[in-house]
């Protein structure tokens, strides 16, 4: 009887270790969030000439708008994210879980830039206000607005791929 008990114990121990090893293999692996080129956005100066062009990701669903550029460790210079909302209203954004400084460009329903918040601080949870009603928000690398010369009153145009 005792040898059978030992064999059964060894089988159970072996089964237990095998299950532990398999559960470690089924752990969730973190994936890097990559840029998806979904369209093009142009900034137009006051003479309606293209000042700058960007490849854009478009955040037009509640989940995409909530997540935005969170968890990204970099954003290429000519890349950005355009948030598209159903209507114009005062907008509030925050930088929770956002690793890189960003410029937030608030745009009204007529595609006019109504406010620029430059160099938003990573991880900041305080709300960043549009100050005026906005239907779109365009996020680019922090400080790039000033470097390019983007100003309030300029317009944008964008297209989806």
C-alpha atoms as a PDB file:
ATOM      1  CA  UNK A   1       0.000   0.000   0.000  1.00  0.00           C
ATOM      2  CA  UNK A   2       2.799   2.437   0.841  1.00  0.00           C
ATOM      3  CA  UNK A   3       4.526   2.161  -2.579  1.00  0.00           C
ATOM      4  CA  UNK A   4       1.186   2.926  -4.249  1.00  0.00           C
ATOM      5  CA  UNK A   5       0.815   5.988  -2.013  1.00  0.00           C
ATOM      6  CA  UNK A   6       4.287   7.193  -3.005  1.00  0.00           C
ATOM      7  CA  UNK A   7       3.542   6.719  -6.700  1.00  0.00           C
ATOM      8  CA  UNK A   8       0.243   8.568  -6.337  1.00  0.00           C
ATOM      9  CA  UNK A   9       2.001  11.391  -4.420  1.00  0.00           C
ATOM     10  CA  UNK A  10       4.657  11.686  -7.117  1.00  0.00           C
ATOM     11  CA  UNK A  11       1.992  11.795  -9.838  1.00  0.00           C
ATOM     12  CA  UNK A  12       0.063  14.528  -7.978  1.00  0.00           C
ATOM     13  CA  UNK A  13       3.213  16.583  -7.323  1.00  0.00           C
ATOM     14  CA  UNK A  14       4.240  16.242 -10.959  1.00  0.00           C
ATOM     15  CA  UNK A  15       0.769  17.322 -12.078  1.00  0.00           C
ATOM     16  CA  UNK A  16       0.869  20.336  -9.736  1.00  0.00           C
ATOM     17  CA  UNK A  17       4.260  21.550 -11.032  1.00  0.00           C
ATOM     18  CA  UNK A  18       3.170  21.035 -14.625  1.00  0.00           C
ATOM     19  CA  UNK A  19       0.048  23.160 -14.047  1.00  0.00           C
ATOM     20  CA  UNK A  20       2.106  25.942 -12.407  1.00  0.00           C
ATOM     21  CA  UNK A  21       4.491  25.958 -15.340  1.00  0.00           C
ATOM     22  CA  UNK A  22       1.611  26.157 -17.837  1.00  0.00           C
ATOM     23  CA  UNK A  23      -0.077  29.010 -15.939  1.00  0.00           C
ATOM     24  CA  UNK A  24       3.163  31.028 -16.106  1.00  0.00           C
ATOM     25  CA  UNK A  25       3.172  30.569 -19.871  1.00  0.00           C
ATOM     26  CA  UNK A  26      -0.378  31.973 -20.127  1.00  0.00           C
ATOM     27  CA  UNK A  27       0.462  35.297 -18.478  1.00  0.00           C
ATOM     28  CA  UNK A  28      -0.575  38.449 -20.278  1.00  0.00           C
ATOM     29  CA  UNK A  29       2.341  40.009 -22.109  1.00  0.00           C
ATOM     30  CA  UNK A  30       2.598  43.766 -22.373  1.00  0.00           C
ATOM     31  CA  UNK A  31       2.478  45.010 -25.947  1.00  0.00           C
ATOM     32  CA  UNK A  32       3.865  48.289 -27.167  1.00  0.00           C
ATOM     33  CA  UNK A  33       1.228  50.645 -28.572  1.00  0.00           C
ATOM     34  CA  UNK A  34       2.218  51.525 -32.125  1.00  0.00           C
ATOM     35  CA  UNK A  35       1.206  54.439 -34.336  1.00  0.00           C
ATOM     36  CA  UNK A  36      -1.532  53.671 -36.888  1.00  0.00           C
ATOM     37  CA  UNK A  37      -1.502  55.959 -39.919  1.00  0.00           C
ATOM     38  CA  UNK A  38      -5.230  56.654 -40.419  1.00  0.00           C
ATOM     39  CA  UNK A  39      -5.115  59.955 -42.267  1.00  0.00           C
ATOM     40  CA  UNK A  40      -3.479  63.279 -42.937  1.00  0.00           C
ATOM     41  CA  UNK A  41      -3.912  66.664 -41.247  1.00  0.00           C
ATOM     42  CA  UNK A  42      -2.689  69.993 -42.620  1.00  0.00           C
ATOM     43  CA  UNK A  43      -2.281  73.225 -40.691  1.00  0.00           C
ATOM     44  CA  UNK A  44      -3.187  76.196 -42.896  1.00  0.00           C
ATOM     45  CA  UNK A  45      -1.730  79.631 -42.260  1.00  0.00           C
ATOM     46  CA  UNK A  46      -3.789  82.819 -42.549  1.00  0.00           C
ATOM     47  CA  UNK A  47      -3.183  82.891 -46.328  1.00  0.00           C
ATOM     48  CA  UNK A  48      -4.713  79.366 -46.514  1.00  0.00           C
ATOM     49  CA  UNK A  49      -1.317  77.861 -47.457  1.00  0.00           C
ATOM     50  CA  UNK A  50      -0.078  74.654 -45.845  1.00  0.00           C
ATOM     51  CA  UNK A  51       2.175  75.476 -42.911  1.00  0.00           C
ATOM     52  CA  UNK A  52       2.683  71.857 -41.791  1.00  0.00           C
ATOM     53  CA  UNK A  53       1.400  68.346 -42.535  1.00  0.00           C
ATOM     54  CA  UNK A  54       1.033  65.415 -40.179  1.00  0.00           C
ATOM     55  CA  UNK A  55       0.215  61.731 -40.424  1.00  0.00           C
ATOM     56  CA  UNK A  56      -2.544  61.162 -37.906  1.00  0.00           C
ATOM     57  CA  UNK A  57      -4.292  58.571 -35.833  1.00  0.00           C
ATOM     58  CA  UNK A  58      -7.963  59.376 -35.429  1.00  0.00           C
ATOM     59  CA  UNK A  59      -9.638  58.929 -32.055  1.00  0.00           C
ATOM     60  CA  UNK A  60     -13.355  59.014 -32.802  1.00  0.00           C
ATOM     61  CA  UNK A  61     -14.780  56.343 -30.491  1.00  0.00           C
ATOM     62  CA  UNK A  62     -15.253  56.747 -26.723  1.00  0.00           C
ATOM     63  CA  UNK A  63     -12.494  54.194 -25.984  1.00  0.00           C
ATOM     64  CA  UNK A  64     -10.008  55.790 -28.403  1.00  0.00           C
ATOM     65  CA  UNK A  65     -10.725  59.259 -27.033  1.00  0.00           C
ATOM     66  CA  UNK A  66     -10.323  58.060 -23.453  1.00  0.00           C
ATOM     67  CA  UNK A  67      -7.027  56.281 -24.161  1.00  0.00           C
ATOM     68  CA  UNK A  68      -5.499  58.798 -26.579  1.00  0.00           C
ATOM     69  CA  UNK A  69      -1.706  58.760 -26.558  1.00  0.00           C
ATOM     70  CA  UNK A  70      -1.426  57.102 -23.143  1.00  0.00           C
ATOM     71  CA  UNK A  71       1.372  54.564 -22.679  1.00  0.00           C
ATOM     72  CA  UNK A  72       3.326  55.766 -25.749  1.00  0.00           C
ATOM     73  CA  UNK A  73       7.013  56.293 -25.102  1.00  0.00           C
ATOM     74  CA  UNK A  74       7.525  58.456 -28.198  1.00  0.00           C
ATOM     75  CA  UNK A  75       5.733  60.268 -30.990  1.00  0.00           C
ATOM     76  CA  UNK A  76       7.465  60.988 -34.284  1.00  0.00           C
ATOM     77  CA  UNK A  77       7.788  64.683 -35.191  1.00  0.00           C
ATOM     78  CA  UNK A  78       5.314  64.566 -38.104  1.00  0.00           C
ATOM     79  CA  UNK A  79       2.792  62.337 -36.298  1.00  0.00           C
ATOM     80  CA  UNK A  80      -0.187  63.334 -34.193  1.00  0.00           C
ATOM     81  CA  UNK A  81      -3.568  62.230 -32.898  1.00  0.00           C
ATOM     82  CA  UNK A  82      -6.819  63.927 -33.869  1.00  0.00           C
ATOM     83  CA  UNK A  83      -9.697  63.555 -31.423  1.00  0.00           C
ATOM     84  CA  UNK A  84     -13.060  63.897 -33.161  1.00  0.00           C
ATOM     85  CA  UNK A  85     -16.198  64.590 -31.123  1.00  0.00           C
ATOM     86  CA  UNK A  86     -19.857  64.668 -32.145  1.00  0.00           C
ATOM     87  CA  UNK A  87     -20.341  68.315 -31.183  1.00  0.00           C
ATOM     88  CA  UNK A  88     -18.583  71.470 -30.025  1.00  0.00           C
ATOM     89  CA  UNK A  89     -18.334  72.134 -26.322  1.00  0.00           C
ATOM     90  CA  UNK A  90     -15.772  73.040 -23.702  1.00  0.00           C
ATOM     91  CA  UNK A  91     -13.252  70.180 -23.581  1.00  0.00           C
ATOM     92  CA  UNK A  92     -11.101  69.019 -20.708  1.00  0.00           C
ATOM     93  CA  UNK A  93      -8.083  66.759 -21.191  1.00  0.00           C
ATOM     94  CA  UNK A  94      -5.516  65.371 -18.755  1.00  0.00           C
ATOM     95  CA  UNK A  95      -2.146  63.666 -19.099  1.00  0.00           C
ATOM     96  CA  UNK A  96      -2.635  60.696 -16.764  1.00  0.00           C
ATOM     97  CA  UNK A  97      -0.564  57.744 -18.039  1.00  0.00           C
ATOM     98  CA  UNK A  98       0.837  59.902 -20.856  1.00  0.00           C
ATOM     99  CA  UNK A  99       4.597  59.534 -20.960  1.00  0.00           C
ATOM    100  CA  UNK A 100       5.560  62.327 -23.353  1.00  0.00           C
ATOM    101  CA  UNK A 101       4.937  66.115 -23.241  1.00  0.00           C
ATOM    102  CA  UNK A 102       2.300  67.205 -25.746  1.00  0.00           C
ATOM    103  CA  UNK A 103       0.829  70.305 -27.323  1.00  0.00           C
ATOM    104  CA  UNK A 104      -2.971  70.207 -27.301  1.00  0.00           C
ATOM    105  CA  UNK A 105      -4.516  72.190 -30.152  1.00  0.00           C
ATOM    106  CA  UNK A 106      -8.243  72.825 -29.694  1.00  0.00           C
ATOM    107  CA  UNK A 107     -10.263  73.327 -32.884  1.00  0.00           C
ATOM    108  CA  UNK A 108     -13.875  74.419 -33.379  1.00  0.00           C
ATOM    109  CA  UNK A 109     -16.513  73.050 -35.781  1.00  0.00           C
ATOM    110  CA  UNK A 110     -15.291  75.441 -38.500  1.00  0.00           C
ATOM    111  CA  UNK A 111     -11.797  73.868 -38.300  1.00  0.00           C
ATOM    112  CA  UNK A 112     -10.349  76.997 -36.691  1.00  0.00           C
ATOM    113  CA  UNK A 113      -7.761  76.715 -33.917  1.00  0.00           C
ATOM    114  CA  UNK A 114      -9.333  78.319 -30.825  1.00  0.00           C
ATOM    115  CA  UNK A 115      -6.685  77.500 -28.191  1.00  0.00           C
ATOM    116  CA  UNK A 116      -3.233  75.936 -27.911  1.00  0.00           C
ATOM    117  CA  UNK A 117      -1.967  74.439 -24.668  1.00  0.00           C
ATOM    118  CA  UNK A 118       1.770  74.004 -25.115  1.00  0.00           C
ATOM    119  CA  UNK A 119       3.976  71.409 -23.414  1.00  0.00           C
ATOM    120  CA  UNK A 120       1.418  69.591 -21.279  1.00  0.00           C
ATOM    121  CA  UNK A 121       3.272  67.803 -18.477  1.00  0.00           C
ATOM    122  CA  UNK A 122       3.412  63.984 -18.559  1.00  0.00           C
ATOM    123  CA  UNK A 123       1.326  62.231 -15.846  1.00  0.00           C
ATOM    124  CA  UNK A 124      -0.437  65.484 -14.862  1.00  0.00           C
ATOM    125  CA  UNK A 125      -4.011  64.801 -13.719  1.00  0.00           C
ATOM    126  CA  UNK A 126      -5.211  68.421 -13.649  1.00  0.00           C
ATOM    127  CA  UNK A 127      -7.663  69.224 -16.423  1.00  0.00           C
ATOM    128  CA  UNK A 128      -6.462  71.160 -19.462  1.00  0.00           C
ATOM    129  CA  UNK A 129      -9.343  73.285 -20.755  1.00  0.00           C
ATOM    130  CA  UNK A 130     -10.121  74.233 -24.327  1.00  0.00           C
ATOM    131  CA  UNK A 131     -11.228  77.667 -23.008  1.00  0.00           C
ATOM    132  CA  UNK A 132     -13.703  77.882 -25.932  1.00  0.00           C
ATOM    133  CA  UNK A 133     -16.005  75.231 -27.420  1.00  0.00           C
ATOM    134  CA  UNK A 134     -14.068  72.688 -29.505  1.00  0.00           C
ATOM    135  CA  UNK A 135     -15.136  69.782 -31.689  1.00  0.00           C
ATOM    136  CA  UNK A 136     -11.592  68.551 -32.402  1.00  0.00           C
ATOM    137  CA  UNK A 137      -8.391  68.289 -30.393  1.00  0.00           C
ATOM    138  CA  UNK A 138      -5.076  67.659 -32.104  1.00  0.00           C
ATOM    139  CA  UNK A 139      -2.138  66.370 -30.059  1.00  0.00           C
ATOM    140  CA  UNK A 140       1.471  66.679 -31.225  1.00  0.00           C
ATOM    141  CA  UNK A 141       4.868  66.670 -29.537  1.00  0.00           C
ATOM    142  CA  UNK A 142       5.281  69.298 -26.840  1.00  0.00           C
ATOM    143  CA  UNK A 143       6.762  72.559 -28.118  1.00  0.00           C
ATOM    144  CA  UNK A 144       6.212  71.709 -31.788  1.00  0.00           C
ATOM    145  CA  UNK A 145       3.388  74.254 -32.188  1.00  0.00           C
ATOM    146  CA  UNK A 146       5.723  77.098 -31.313  1.00  0.00           C
ATOM    147  CA  UNK A 147       8.564  75.641 -33.385  1.00  0.00           C
ATOM    148  CA  UNK A 148       6.361  75.402 -36.504  1.00  0.00           C
ATOM    149  CA  UNK A 149       4.538  78.687 -35.857  1.00  0.00           C
ATOM    150  CA  UNK A 150       1.024  77.295 -35.284  1.00  0.00           C
ATOM    151  CA  UNK A 151      -1.229  80.028 -33.911  1.00  0.00           C
ATOM    152  CA  UNK A 152      -4.755  80.600 -32.726  1.00  0.00           C
ATOM    153  CA  UNK A 153      -6.988  81.598 -35.672  1.00  0.00           C
ATOM    154  CA  UNK A 154      -5.282  79.291 -38.180  1.00  0.00           C
ATOM    155  CA  UNK A 155      -7.316  76.475 -39.727  1.00  0.00           C
ATOM    156  CA  UNK A 156      -6.854  72.775 -40.269  1.00  0.00           C
ATOM    157  CA  UNK A 157      -8.037  70.323 -42.864  1.00  0.00           C
ATOM    158  CA  UNK A 158      -7.867  66.574 -42.520  1.00  0.00           C
ATOM    159  CA  UNK A 159      -8.727  63.432 -44.418  1.00  0.00           C
ATOM    160  CA  UNK A 160      -9.008  59.767 -43.540  1.00  0.00           C
ATOM    161  CA  UNK A 161      -7.062  57.170 -45.489  1.00  0.00           C
END
